Amino acid sequence: MSSASSAARRPSARAPAANALGAAALRVRWDRVGRIALLALLLGVALAYVGPAHSLLSTWRASGAKQAQLHTLEREHDALARRAQELRDPRTVQAEARGLGMVRPGERSYVVRGLPGN
């Protein structure tokens, strides 16, 4: 038994080479692990910025469209304010009413047909 136990304890000629390969395979390359972890972290941070960046761009585009709409509405408001000012003048109101075919009380309305250009 002693010869069997000593044979079991004594490594064979092939064992040191196998142990060296096994140890090399089991050794952790911390520099590679660190690089992969940093790359994963960088990718995570980049992905975290995608949503807010997309939101920022869509908001910027929408603000441009709203700005154009605001300018259009401001021009329309100015035109309506000028028209309201014109309609405060009694002569303008009378001209508009005459254009619609209205007459004052006591006036007689005439319709002329067959004029050239009609």
N, C-alpha and C. Protein backbone atom coordinates (compact mmCIF):
# COMPACT_ATOMS: atom_id res chain seq x y z
N MET A 1 0.80 -1.17 0.00
CA MET A 1 0.00 0.00 0.00
C MET A 1 0.85 1.24 0.00
N SER A 2 1.98 1.11 0.59
CA SER A 2 2.85 2.26 0.62
C SER A 2 3.34 2.61 -0.78
N SER A 3 3.55 1.62 -1.60
CA SER A 3 3.99 1.91 -2.95
C SER A 3 2.85 2.53 -3.76
N ALA A 4 1.65 2.12 -3.49
CA ALA A 4 0.49 2.69 -4.20
C ALA A 4 0.23 4.11 -3.73
N SER A 5 0.38 4.35 -2.43
CA SER A 5 0.15 5.70 -1.92
C SER A 5 1.26 6.64 -2.36
N SER A 6 2.50 6.13 -2.41
CA SER A 6 3.58 7.00 -2.87
C SER A 6 3.44 7.27 -4.35
N ALA A 7 2.88 6.35 -5.11
CA ALA A 7 2.67 6.57 -6.53
C ALA A 7 1.55 7.58 -6.74
N ALA A 8 0.59 7.54 -5.84
CA ALA A 8 -0.52 8.48 -5.96
C ALA A 8 -0.06 9.88 -5.61
N ARG A 9 0.88 9.99 -4.66
CA ARG A 9 1.37 11.31 -4.28
C ARG A 9 2.37 11.86 -5.30
N ARG A 10 3.10 10.97 -5.89
CA ARG A 10 4.14 11.40 -6.80
C ARG A 10 3.50 11.72 -8.16
N PRO A 11 3.65 12.95 -8.61
CA PRO A 11 3.06 13.29 -9.90
C PRO A 11 3.84 12.64 -11.03
N SER A 12 3.15 12.32 -12.08
CA SER A 12 3.80 11.72 -13.23
C SER A 12 4.49 12.82 -14.03
N ALA A 13 5.16 12.44 -15.07
CA ALA A 13 5.90 13.40 -15.88
C ALA A 13 4.96 14.33 -16.63
N ARG A 14 3.77 13.86 -16.91
CA ARG A 14 2.83 14.67 -17.67
C ARG A 14 2.05 15.61 -16.76
N ALA A 15 1.99 15.36 -15.53
CA ALA A 15 1.17 16.14 -14.61
C ALA A 15 1.61 17.59 -14.48
N PRO A 16 2.92 17.90 -14.38
CA PRO A 16 3.27 19.31 -14.24
C PRO A 16 2.83 20.13 -15.45
N ALA A 17 2.92 19.60 -16.61
CA ALA A 17 2.50 20.34 -17.80
C ALA A 17 0.99 20.55 -17.79
N ALA A 18 0.24 19.54 -17.39
CA ALA A 18 -1.22 19.65 -17.33
C ALA A 18 -1.62 20.63 -16.25
N ASN A 19 -0.95 20.59 -15.12
CA ASN A 19 -1.25 21.54 -14.05
C ASN A 19 -0.93 22.97 -14.46
N ALA A 20 0.12 23.18 -15.21
CA ALA A 20 0.50 24.52 -15.67
C ALA A 20 -0.55 25.06 -16.64
N LEU A 21 -1.02 24.20 -17.55
CA LEU A 21 -2.06 24.63 -18.49
C LEU A 21 -3.36 24.91 -17.76
N GLY A 22 -3.70 24.08 -16.81
CA GLY A 22 -4.93 24.27 -16.05
C GLY A 22 -4.88 25.53 -15.22
N ALA A 23 -3.71 25.79 -14.63
CA ALA A 23 -3.57 27.00 -13.82
C ALA A 23 -3.65 28.24 -14.70
N ALA A 24 -3.05 28.17 -15.89
CA ALA A 24 -3.10 29.31 -16.80
C ALA A 24 -4.54 29.53 -17.28
N ALA A 25 -5.27 28.46 -17.51
CA ALA A 25 -6.65 28.58 -17.97
C ALA A 25 -7.55 29.12 -16.86
N LEU A 26 -7.23 28.80 -15.62
CA LEU A 26 -8.06 29.25 -14.51
C LEU A 26 -7.68 30.65 -14.02
N ARG A 27 -6.54 31.14 -14.44
CA ARG A 27 -6.10 32.46 -14.00
C ARG A 27 -6.99 33.54 -14.62
N VAL A 28 -7.42 34.49 -13.85
CA VAL A 28 -8.32 35.55 -14.31
C VAL A 28 -7.48 36.71 -14.83
N ARG A 29 -7.82 37.18 -16.01
CA ARG A 29 -7.14 38.34 -16.59
C ARG A 29 -7.92 39.58 -16.18
N TRP A 30 -7.56 40.17 -15.06
CA TRP A 30 -8.30 41.28 -14.49
C TRP A 30 -8.26 42.51 -15.38
N ASP A 31 -7.21 42.69 -16.18
CA ASP A 31 -7.17 43.83 -17.07
C ASP A 31 -8.27 43.72 -18.13
N ARG A 32 -8.49 42.51 -18.64
CA ARG A 32 -9.57 42.32 -19.62
C ARG A 32 -10.94 42.46 -18.97
N VAL A 33 -11.07 41.94 -17.79
CA VAL A 33 -12.35 42.06 -17.07
C VAL A 33 -12.65 43.53 -16.81
N GLY A 34 -11.65 44.28 -16.44
CA GLY A 34 -11.83 45.71 -16.19
C GLY A 34 -12.23 46.46 -17.45
N ARG A 35 -11.58 46.11 -18.56
CA ARG A 35 -11.91 46.76 -19.85
C ARG A 35 -13.34 46.45 -20.26
N ILE A 36 -13.74 45.21 -20.10
CA ILE A 36 -15.11 44.82 -20.47
C ILE A 36 -16.12 45.51 -19.56
N ALA A 37 -15.80 45.60 -18.28
CA ALA A 37 -16.72 46.28 -17.35
C ALA A 37 -16.83 47.76 -17.70
N LEU A 38 -15.70 48.40 -18.02
CA LEU A 38 -15.75 49.81 -18.41
C LEU A 38 -16.51 50.01 -19.71
N LEU A 39 -16.32 49.10 -20.66
CA LEU A 39 -17.06 49.18 -21.91
C LEU A 39 -18.56 49.02 -21.68
N ALA A 40 -18.93 48.09 -20.83
CA ALA A 40 -20.35 47.90 -20.50
C ALA A 40 -20.92 49.13 -19.80
N LEU A 41 -20.14 49.71 -18.91
CA LEU A 41 -20.59 50.93 -18.22
C LEU A 41 -20.75 52.08 -19.19
N LEU A 42 -19.80 52.23 -20.10
CA LEU A 42 -19.88 53.29 -21.11
C LEU A 42 -21.09 53.09 -22.00
N LEU A 43 -21.34 51.86 -22.40
CA LEU A 43 -22.52 51.57 -23.21
C LEU A 43 -23.80 51.88 -22.45
N GLY A 44 -23.84 51.55 -21.18
CA GLY A 44 -25.02 51.85 -20.36
C GLY A 44 -25.27 53.34 -20.23
N VAL A 45 -24.19 54.10 -20.03
CA VAL A 45 -24.34 55.56 -19.93
C VAL A 45 -24.80 56.13 -21.25
N ALA A 46 -24.24 55.64 -22.37
CA ALA A 46 -24.66 56.12 -23.68
C ALA A 46 -26.14 55.81 -23.92
N LEU A 47 -26.58 54.63 -23.55
CA LEU A 47 -28.00 54.28 -23.72
C LEU A 47 -28.89 55.12 -22.82
N ALA A 48 -28.38 55.53 -21.68
CA ALA A 48 -29.17 56.36 -20.78
C ALA A 48 -29.39 57.76 -21.37
N TYR A 49 -28.51 58.20 -22.26
CA TYR A 49 -28.65 59.52 -22.87
C TYR A 49 -29.50 59.50 -24.13
N VAL A 50 -29.80 58.34 -24.69
CA VAL A 50 -30.54 58.27 -25.94
C VAL A 50 -31.96 58.82 -25.77
N GLY A 51 -32.67 58.40 -24.75
CA GLY A 51 -34.05 58.85 -24.55
C GLY A 51 -34.17 60.35 -24.35
N PRO A 52 -33.40 60.93 -23.42
CA PRO A 52 -33.47 62.38 -23.25
C PRO A 52 -33.04 63.16 -24.49
N ALA A 53 -32.05 62.64 -25.22
CA ALA A 53 -31.61 63.34 -26.44
C ALA A 53 -32.72 63.32 -27.49
N HIS A 54 -33.40 62.20 -27.62
CA HIS A 54 -34.52 62.12 -28.56
C HIS A 54 -35.63 63.07 -28.14
N SER A 55 -35.91 63.11 -26.87
CA SER A 55 -36.94 64.01 -26.35
C SER A 55 -36.57 65.47 -26.60
N LEU A 56 -35.31 65.80 -26.40
CA LEU A 56 -34.84 67.16 -26.64
C LEU A 56 -35.00 67.55 -28.10
N LEU A 57 -34.63 66.66 -29.02
CA LEU A 57 -34.75 66.98 -30.44
C LEU A 57 -36.21 67.12 -30.86
N SER A 58 -37.07 66.24 -30.39
CA SER A 58 -38.48 66.35 -30.78
C SER A 58 -39.11 67.61 -30.19
N THR A 59 -38.71 67.99 -28.99
CA THR A 59 -39.23 69.22 -28.39
C THR A 59 -38.73 70.44 -29.16
N TRP A 60 -37.48 70.38 -29.60
CA TRP A 60 -36.92 71.50 -30.37
C TRP A 60 -37.65 71.66 -31.69
N ARG A 61 -37.94 70.54 -32.37
CA ARG A 61 -38.70 70.61 -33.62
C ARG A 61 -40.11 71.14 -33.39
N ALA A 62 -40.75 70.67 -32.33
CA ALA A 62 -42.10 71.12 -32.02
C ALA A 62 -42.13 72.60 -31.69
N SER A 63 -41.08 73.08 -31.02
CA SER A 63 -41.05 74.51 -30.69
C SER A 63 -40.91 75.35 -31.95
N GLY A 64 -40.19 74.86 -32.95
CA GLY A 64 -40.09 75.58 -34.22
C GLY A 64 -41.43 75.67 -34.91
N ALA A 65 -42.18 74.57 -34.89
CA ALA A 65 -43.51 74.58 -35.50
C ALA A 65 -44.45 75.51 -34.74
N LYS A 66 -44.38 75.47 -33.42
CA LYS A 66 -45.24 76.35 -32.62
C LYS A 66 -44.86 77.82 -32.82
N GLN A 67 -43.57 78.08 -33.01
CA GLN A 67 -43.12 79.46 -33.24
C GLN A 67 -43.69 79.98 -34.56
N ALA A 68 -43.69 79.13 -35.60
CA ALA A 68 -44.27 79.53 -36.89
C ALA A 68 -45.76 79.77 -36.74
N GLN A 69 -46.43 78.92 -36.00
CA GLN A 69 -47.87 79.09 -35.77
C GLN A 69 -48.13 80.38 -34.99
N LEU A 70 -47.29 80.69 -34.03
CA LEU A 70 -47.43 81.93 -33.26
C LEU A 70 -47.32 83.15 -34.16
N HIS A 71 -46.33 83.16 -35.08
CA HIS A 71 -46.18 84.30 -35.98
C HIS A 71 -47.39 84.45 -36.89
N THR A 72 -47.94 83.34 -37.36
CA THR A 72 -49.13 83.39 -38.20
C THR A 72 -50.31 83.96 -37.41
N LEU A 73 -50.49 83.51 -36.19
CA LEU A 73 -51.59 84.02 -35.38
C LEU A 73 -51.40 85.48 -35.00
N GLU A 74 -50.16 85.91 -34.79
CA GLU A 74 -49.91 87.32 -34.50
C GLU A 74 -50.27 88.20 -35.69
N ARG A 75 -49.91 87.74 -36.91
CA ARG A 75 -50.28 88.52 -38.11
C ARG A 75 -51.80 88.58 -38.26
N GLU A 76 -52.47 87.46 -38.01
CA GLU A 76 -53.92 87.43 -38.10
C GLU A 76 -54.54 88.35 -37.04
N HIS A 77 -53.99 88.36 -35.85
CA HIS A 77 -54.48 89.24 -34.79
C HIS A 77 -54.32 90.71 -35.18
N ASP A 78 -53.17 91.05 -35.75
CA ASP A 78 -52.94 92.44 -36.17
C ASP A 78 -53.94 92.84 -37.25
N ALA A 79 -54.20 91.95 -38.20
CA ALA A 79 -55.16 92.25 -39.27
C ALA A 79 -56.56 92.43 -38.69
N LEU A 80 -56.94 91.58 -37.75
CA LEU A 80 -58.26 91.70 -37.14
C LEU A 80 -58.37 92.96 -36.28
N ALA A 81 -57.29 93.34 -35.62
CA ALA A 81 -57.31 94.58 -34.83
C ALA A 81 -57.48 95.79 -35.74
N ARG A 82 -56.79 95.78 -36.91
CA ARG A 82 -56.96 96.89 -37.87
C ARG A 82 -58.38 96.94 -38.40
N ARG A 83 -58.94 95.74 -38.69
CA ARG A 83 -60.32 95.69 -39.19
C ARG A 83 -61.31 96.18 -38.13
N ALA A 84 -61.10 95.84 -36.89
CA ALA A 84 -61.97 96.31 -35.81
C ALA A 84 -61.87 97.83 -35.69
N GLN A 85 -60.67 98.38 -35.84
CA GLN A 85 -60.50 99.83 -35.79
C GLN A 85 -61.24 100.50 -36.95
N GLU A 86 -61.15 99.89 -38.14
CA GLU A 86 -61.87 100.45 -39.30
C GLU A 86 -63.38 100.43 -39.07
N LEU A 87 -63.88 99.38 -38.46
CA LEU A 87 -65.33 99.25 -38.27
C LEU A 87 -65.85 100.18 -37.18
N ARG A 88 -65.00 100.81 -36.43
CA ARG A 88 -65.45 101.81 -35.46
C ARG A 88 -65.84 103.13 -36.14
N ASP A 89 -65.39 103.30 -37.38
CA ASP A 89 -65.71 104.51 -38.14
C ASP A 89 -67.10 104.34 -38.77
N PRO A 90 -68.04 105.26 -38.51
CA PRO A 90 -69.40 105.13 -39.05
C PRO A 90 -69.45 105.10 -40.59
N ARG A 91 -68.52 105.79 -41.24
CA ARG A 91 -68.51 105.77 -42.71
C ARG A 91 -68.19 104.38 -43.25
N THR A 92 -67.29 103.67 -42.59
CA THR A 92 -66.94 102.31 -43.01
C THR A 92 -68.13 101.37 -42.80
N VAL A 93 -68.82 101.54 -41.68
CA VAL A 93 -69.98 100.69 -41.40
C VAL A 93 -71.05 100.95 -42.46
N GLN A 94 -71.26 102.20 -42.81
CA GLN A 94 -72.27 102.52 -43.82
C GLN A 94 -71.88 101.95 -45.18
N ALA A 95 -70.61 102.03 -45.56
CA ALA A 95 -70.17 101.49 -46.84
C ALA A 95 -70.32 99.96 -46.87
N GLU A 96 -70.00 99.32 -45.77
CA GLU A 96 -70.17 97.86 -45.69
C GLU A 96 -71.65 97.49 -45.81
N ALA A 97 -72.51 98.22 -45.13
CA ALA A 97 -73.95 97.93 -45.17
C ALA A 97 -74.49 98.13 -46.59
N ARG A 98 -74.07 99.19 -47.24
CA ARG A 98 -74.51 99.44 -48.63
C ARG A 98 -74.03 98.33 -49.55
N GLY A 99 -72.81 97.84 -49.31
CA GLY A 99 -72.29 96.74 -50.11
C GLY A 99 -73.10 95.46 -49.94
N LEU A 100 -73.73 95.30 -48.79
CA LEU A 100 -74.58 94.14 -48.54
C LEU A 100 -76.02 94.35 -49.02
N GLY A 101 -76.30 95.54 -49.59
CA GLY A 101 -77.64 95.80 -50.12
C GLY A 101 -78.59 96.39 -49.11
N MET A 102 -78.12 96.90 -48.00
CA MET A 102 -78.99 97.47 -46.98
C MET A 102 -79.25 98.94 -47.31
N VAL A 103 -80.41 99.41 -46.86
CA VAL A 103 -80.78 100.81 -47.05
C VAL A 103 -81.23 101.37 -45.71
N ARG A 104 -81.17 102.67 -45.60
CA ARG A 104 -81.63 103.32 -44.37
C ARG A 104 -83.15 103.35 -44.35
N PRO A 105 -83.70 103.46 -43.16
CA PRO A 105 -85.17 103.57 -43.10
C PRO A 105 -85.63 104.82 -43.87
N GLY A 106 -86.64 104.65 -44.70
CA GLY A 106 -87.18 105.76 -45.48
C GLY A 106 -86.54 105.87 -46.85
N GLU A 107 -85.44 105.20 -47.13
CA GLU A 107 -84.82 105.23 -48.46
C GLU A 107 -85.47 104.17 -49.35
N ARG A 108 -85.38 104.40 -50.62
CA ARG A 108 -85.94 103.47 -51.59
C ARG A 108 -84.78 102.75 -52.27
N SER A 109 -84.89 101.43 -52.40
CA SER A 109 -83.84 100.62 -53.01
C SER A 109 -84.16 100.38 -54.47
N TYR A 110 -83.17 100.55 -55.34
CA TYR A 110 -83.31 100.31 -56.76
C TYR A 110 -82.30 99.25 -57.18
N VAL A 111 -82.74 98.36 -58.06
CA VAL A 111 -81.85 97.35 -58.63
C VAL A 111 -81.83 97.59 -60.13
N VAL A 112 -80.63 97.85 -60.64
CA VAL A 112 -80.46 98.09 -62.08
C VAL A 112 -79.81 96.87 -62.67
N ARG A 113 -80.49 96.32 -63.70
CA ARG A 113 -79.96 95.12 -64.34
C ARG A 113 -79.60 95.43 -65.78
N GLY A 114 -78.73 94.57 -66.35
CA GLY A 114 -78.40 94.71 -67.74
C GLY A 114 -77.30 95.74 -68.03
N LEU A 115 -76.56 96.11 -67.00
CA LEU A 115 -75.45 97.05 -67.22
C LEU A 115 -74.29 96.31 -67.86
N PRO A 116 -73.52 97.00 -68.69
CA PRO A 116 -72.36 96.32 -69.29
C PRO A 116 -71.32 95.99 -68.20
N GLY A 117 -70.73 94.82 -68.33
CA GLY A 117 -69.74 94.40 -67.35
C GLY A 117 -70.32 93.52 -66.26
N ASN A 118 -71.64 93.32 -66.23
CA ASN A 118 -72.26 92.45 -65.21
C ASN A 118 -72.47 91.10 -65.79
